Amino acid sequence: MRPYKPAWTAEAAVLEMTSQPGKHFDPEILSAFLSILPGLLEDGEIGEPAPKRAVSARGASPL
């Protein structure tokens, strides 16, 4: 993957999603996501980007 710009912070992403209910994001799904978001952040499931990986003939490996 070759990102063309830096990843958004979790806070910026939530702000974007909550500013668009009913336009780009289904309000019911957004509400469900926001209800589990604190647990995801706490568990480290989302937040800081994952470490970059180098890809070789054997597969991905940490840099």
C-alpha atoms as a PDB file:
ATOM      1  CA  MET A   1       0.000   0.000   0.000  1.00  0.00           C
ATOM      2  CA  ARG A   2       1.308   3.439  -0.880  1.00  0.00           C
ATOM      3  CA  PRO A   3      -0.523   6.153   1.058  1.00  0.00           C
ATOM      4  CA  TYR A   4      -0.596   9.518  -0.661  1.00  0.00           C
ATOM      5  CA  LYS A   5      -1.160  11.427   2.573  1.00  0.00           C
ATOM      6  CA  PRO A   6      -0.789  10.782   6.311  1.00  0.00           C
ATOM      7  CA  ALA A   7      -3.430   8.771   8.176  1.00  0.00           C
ATOM      8  CA  TRP A   8      -6.078  10.684  10.108  1.00  0.00           C
ATOM      9  CA  THR A   9      -6.014  10.642  13.874  1.00  0.00           C
ATOM     10  CA  ALA A  10      -8.873   8.794  15.561  1.00  0.00           C
ATOM     11  CA  GLU A  11     -10.217  12.140  16.779  1.00  0.00           C
ATOM     12  CA  ALA A  12     -10.218  13.684  13.292  1.00  0.00           C
ATOM     13  CA  ALA A  13     -11.923  10.612  11.829  1.00  0.00           C
ATOM     14  CA  VAL A  14     -14.663  10.672  14.483  1.00  0.00           C
ATOM     15  CA  LEU A  15     -15.192  14.392  13.927  1.00  0.00           C
ATOM     16  CA  GLU A  16     -15.582  13.809  10.187  1.00  0.00           C
ATOM     17  CA  MET A  17     -18.016  10.921  10.688  1.00  0.00           C
ATOM     18  CA  THR A  18     -20.156  12.753  13.235  1.00  0.00           C
ATOM     19  CA  SER A  19     -20.391  15.825  10.986  1.00  0.00           C
ATOM     20  CA  GLN A  20     -21.922  13.734   8.175  1.00  0.00           C
ATOM     21  CA  PRO A  21     -24.701  11.566   9.681  1.00  0.00           C
ATOM     22  CA  GLY A  22     -27.230  10.621   7.040  1.00  0.00           C
ATOM     23  CA  LYS A  23     -25.051  11.920   4.186  1.00  0.00           C
ATOM     24  CA  HIS A  24     -22.017   9.665   4.056  1.00  0.00           C
ATOM     25  CA  PHE A  25     -22.623   7.556   7.144  1.00  0.00           C
ATOM     26  CA  ASP A  26     -25.727   5.627   8.172  1.00  0.00           C
ATOM     27  CA  PRO A  27     -26.841   7.200  11.487  1.00  0.00           C
ATOM     28  CA  GLU A  28     -27.716   3.836  13.087  1.00  0.00           C
ATOM     29  CA  ILE A  29     -24.384   2.251  12.141  1.00  0.00           C
ATOM     30  CA  LEU A  30     -22.513   5.383  13.209  1.00  0.00           C
ATOM     31  CA  SER A  31     -24.273   5.288  16.582  1.00  0.00           C
ATOM     32  CA  ALA A  32     -23.363   1.610  17.039  1.00  0.00           C
ATOM     33  CA  PHE A  33     -19.745   2.304  16.078  1.00  0.00           C
ATOM     34  CA  LEU A  34     -19.494   5.245  18.473  1.00  0.00           C
ATOM     35  CA  SER A  35     -20.876   3.088  21.287  1.00  0.00           C
ATOM     36  CA  ILE A  36     -17.985   0.595  20.925  1.00  0.00           C
ATOM     37  CA  LEU A  37     -15.295   3.130  20.017  1.00  0.00           C
ATOM     38  CA  PRO A  38     -13.991   3.667  23.582  1.00  0.00           C
ATOM     39  CA  GLY A  39     -13.333  -0.071  23.909  1.00  0.00           C
ATOM     40  CA  LEU A  40     -11.553  -0.195  20.555  1.00  0.00           C
ATOM     41  CA  LEU A  41      -9.321   2.706  21.514  1.00  0.00           C
ATOM     42  CA  GLU A  42      -8.636   1.227  24.953  1.00  0.00           C
ATOM     43  CA  ASP A  43      -7.729  -2.192  23.519  1.00  0.00           C
ATOM     44  CA  GLY A  44      -5.452  -0.648  20.897  1.00  0.00           C
ATOM     45  CA  GLU A  45      -7.569  -2.026  18.040  1.00  0.00           C
ATOM     46  CA  ILE A  46      -7.550   1.413  16.432  1.00  0.00           C
ATOM     47  CA  GLY A  47      -5.541   4.540  17.018  1.00  0.00           C
ATOM     48  CA  GLU A  48      -1.836   4.584  16.327  1.00  0.00           C
ATOM     49  CA  PRO A  49      -0.919   3.253  12.874  1.00  0.00           C
ATOM     50  CA  ALA A  50       0.478  -0.255  12.729  1.00  0.00           C
ATOM     51  CA  PRO A  51       4.225  -0.586  12.145  1.00  0.00           C
ATOM     52  CA  LYS A  52       5.260  -0.655   8.501  1.00  0.00           C
ATOM     53  CA  ARG A  53       6.151  -4.031   7.077  1.00  0.00           C
ATOM     54  CA  ALA A  54       8.623  -4.930   4.377  1.00  0.00           C
ATOM     55  CA  VAL A  55       7.407  -7.426   1.812  1.00  0.00           C
ATOM     56  CA  SER A  56       9.777 -10.064   0.500  1.00  0.00           C
ATOM     57  CA  ALA A  57       9.402 -13.251  -1.483  1.00  0.00           C
ATOM     58  CA  ARG A  58       8.686 -15.009   1.836  1.00  0.00           C
ATOM     59  CA  GLY A  59       5.941 -12.574   2.832  1.00  0.00           C
ATOM     60  CA  ALA A  60       5.658  -9.617   5.171  1.00  0.00           C
ATOM     61  CA  SER A  61       8.092  -9.058   7.992  1.00  0.00           C
ATOM     62  CA  PRO A  62       8.480  -6.192  10.480  1.00  0.00           C
ATOM     63  CA  LEU A  63      11.021  -3.527   9.521  1.00  0.00           C
END
